[in-house]
Protein backbone atom coordinates (compact mmCIF):
# COMPACT_ATOMS: atom_id res chain seq x y z
CA UNK A 1 7.42 -39.71 100.54
CA UNK A 2 6.47 -37.30 97.80
CA UNK A 3 5.59 -33.62 98.08
CA UNK A 4 2.23 -33.18 99.76
CA UNK A 5 0.45 -30.32 98.00
CA UNK A 6 -2.27 -30.28 100.66
CA UNK A 7 0.05 -29.25 103.48
CA UNK A 8 3.07 -27.82 101.65
CA UNK A 9 5.56 -30.34 103.00
CA UNK A 10 8.26 -31.56 100.62
CA UNK A 11 10.21 -34.69 101.58
CA UNK A 12 13.37 -35.92 99.92
CA UNK A 13 14.82 -39.36 100.55
CA UNK A 14 18.49 -39.56 101.42
CA UNK A 15 21.11 -42.28 101.39
CA UNK A 16 22.68 -40.76 104.51
CA UNK A 17 21.78 -41.38 108.14
CA UNK A 18 19.94 -38.76 110.19
CA UNK A 19 23.19 -37.80 111.96
CA UNK A 20 25.09 -37.57 108.67
CA UNK A 21 22.38 -35.37 107.16
CA UNK A 22 22.44 -33.11 110.21
CA UNK A 23 26.23 -32.79 109.93
CA UNK A 24 25.99 -32.01 106.21
CA UNK A 25 23.28 -29.42 106.78
CA UNK A 26 25.16 -27.83 109.68
CA UNK A 27 28.34 -27.50 107.59
CA UNK A 28 26.39 -25.95 104.69
CA UNK A 29 24.60 -23.46 106.95
CA UNK A 30 27.85 -22.45 108.64
CA UNK A 31 29.63 -22.06 105.30
CA UNK A 32 26.85 -19.73 104.11
CA UNK A 33 26.86 -17.71 107.33
CA UNK A 34 23.30 -18.76 108.20
CA UNK A 35 22.57 -18.88 111.92
CA UNK A 36 21.52 -22.17 113.49
CA UNK A 37 19.10 -21.22 116.26
CA UNK A 38 18.42 -24.73 117.57
CA UNK A 39 18.61 -28.42 116.84
CA UNK A 40 15.76 -30.31 118.46
CA UNK A 41 16.54 -34.01 118.94
CA UNK A 42 12.99 -35.37 119.21
CA UNK A 43 14.11 -39.00 119.42
CA UNK A 44 16.77 -38.13 122.01
CA UNK A 45 14.19 -36.37 124.16
CA UNK A 46 11.79 -39.31 123.80
CA UNK A 47 14.54 -41.66 124.98
CA UNK A 48 15.04 -39.54 128.11
CA UNK A 49 11.47 -40.31 129.18
CA UNK A 50 11.63 -44.00 128.32
CA UNK A 51 9.99 -43.81 124.89
CA UNK A 52 11.42 -45.05 121.63
CA UNK A 53 11.15 -43.46 118.23
CA UNK A 54 13.29 -43.55 115.09
CA UNK A 55 15.99 -40.87 114.81
CA UNK A 56 14.21 -37.54 114.32
CA UNK A 57 15.81 -34.08 114.46
CA UNK A 58 14.56 -30.61 113.63
CA UNK A 59 17.10 -27.99 112.56
CA UNK A 60 15.90 -24.40 113.05
CA UNK A 61 17.89 -21.76 111.18
CA UNK A 62 17.69 -18.45 109.42
CA UNK A 63 18.95 -14.98 108.78
CA UNK A 64 17.44 -11.81 110.24
CA UNK A 65 18.60 -10.03 107.07
CA UNK A 66 16.35 -12.32 105.01
CA UNK A 67 13.56 -12.89 107.53
CA UNK A 68 12.89 -9.36 108.70
CA UNK A 69 11.74 -8.03 105.29
CA UNK A 70 9.43 -11.05 105.03
CA UNK A 71 7.87 -10.38 108.43
CA UNK A 72 7.45 -6.68 107.63
CA UNK A 73 5.68 -7.49 104.35
CA UNK A 74 3.67 -10.47 105.64
CA UNK A 75 3.63 -10.45 109.48
CA UNK A 76 1.92 -13.84 109.82
CA UNK A 77 4.97 -15.57 108.33
CA UNK A 78 6.63 -15.09 111.71
CA UNK A 79 4.79 -18.25 112.80
CA UNK A 80 6.79 -20.22 110.18
CA UNK A 81 10.11 -18.45 110.72
CA UNK A 82 12.88 -19.21 111.36
CA UNK A 83 13.03 -21.83 108.64
CA UNK A 84 13.09 -25.49 109.65
CA UNK A 85 14.28 -28.75 108.15
CA UNK A 86 13.09 -32.02 109.64
CA UNK A 87 15.49 -34.95 109.37
CA UNK A 88 13.90 -38.29 110.14
CA UNK A 89 14.07 -42.03 109.68
CA UNK A 90 10.99 -44.07 108.80
CA UNK A 91 10.09 -47.53 110.08
CA UNK A 92 11.95 -49.13 107.15
CA UNK A 93 15.21 -47.35 107.98
CA UNK A 94 14.98 -44.78 105.17
CA UNK A 95 16.15 -41.26 105.95
CA UNK A 96 14.14 -38.21 104.90
CA UNK A 97 14.69 -34.48 104.70
CA UNK A 98 11.42 -32.53 104.93
CA UNK A 99 10.55 -28.83 104.81
CA UNK A 100 7.74 -26.42 104.02
CA UNK A 101 7.95 -25.44 100.36
CA UNK A 102 8.64 -21.79 99.65
CA UNK A 103 5.65 -21.65 97.32
CA UNK A 104 3.38 -22.97 100.08
CA UNK A 105 4.70 -20.35 102.51
CA UNK A 106 4.24 -17.67 99.86
CA UNK A 107 0.60 -18.63 99.38
CA UNK A 108 -0.10 -19.22 103.07
CA UNK A 109 1.15 -15.78 104.08
CA UNK A 110 0.68 -13.77 100.86
CA UNK A 111 4.42 -13.13 100.60
CA UNK A 112 5.24 -10.65 97.84
CA UNK A 113 6.87 -12.37 94.86
CA UNK A 114 9.97 -10.17 95.09
CA UNK A 115 10.70 -11.62 98.56
CA UNK A 116 10.23 -15.27 97.63
CA UNK A 117 13.99 -15.74 97.19
CA UNK A 118 14.39 -15.01 100.92
CA UNK A 119 12.76 -18.35 101.75
CA UNK A 120 13.32 -20.39 98.58
CA UNK A 121 16.90 -21.07 99.72
CA UNK A 122 15.43 -23.86 101.86
CA UNK A 123 15.04 -26.05 98.77
CA UNK A 124 18.74 -25.73 97.90
CA UNK A 125 19.78 -26.38 101.50
CA UNK A 126 17.59 -29.46 101.83
CA UNK A 127 18.87 -30.87 98.54
CA UNK A 128 22.50 -30.30 99.54
CA UNK A 129 21.94 -32.08 102.85
CA UNK A 130 20.05 -35.03 101.35
CA UNK A 131 22.20 -35.78 98.30
């Protein structure tokens, strides 16, 4: 899966399993002092109701110190915050790390350029988890 310019989603393939990627991402977030607000196990929830889907987890995380200035400057960005990384497996068994690109969020919400670094960290975090 390549970046999709139409919807702002960037996907990076990983050699690790969904669980391994989640562990790697969790360790990185904790080491950087970034709060993990929730981990949604979509496939686990599907299993609870008798449905089957490949491993799929959404990690929701952020920092009020970084997010608050963004929401003050561009209030609509609150719909896309906290930041999220989707970790999933496709039907061929490949694992993927996906996220909204910072540039897409900047354009979508007219984020001032000087605040872009507050959300561009997602690219570094996704890369660290996937590689």
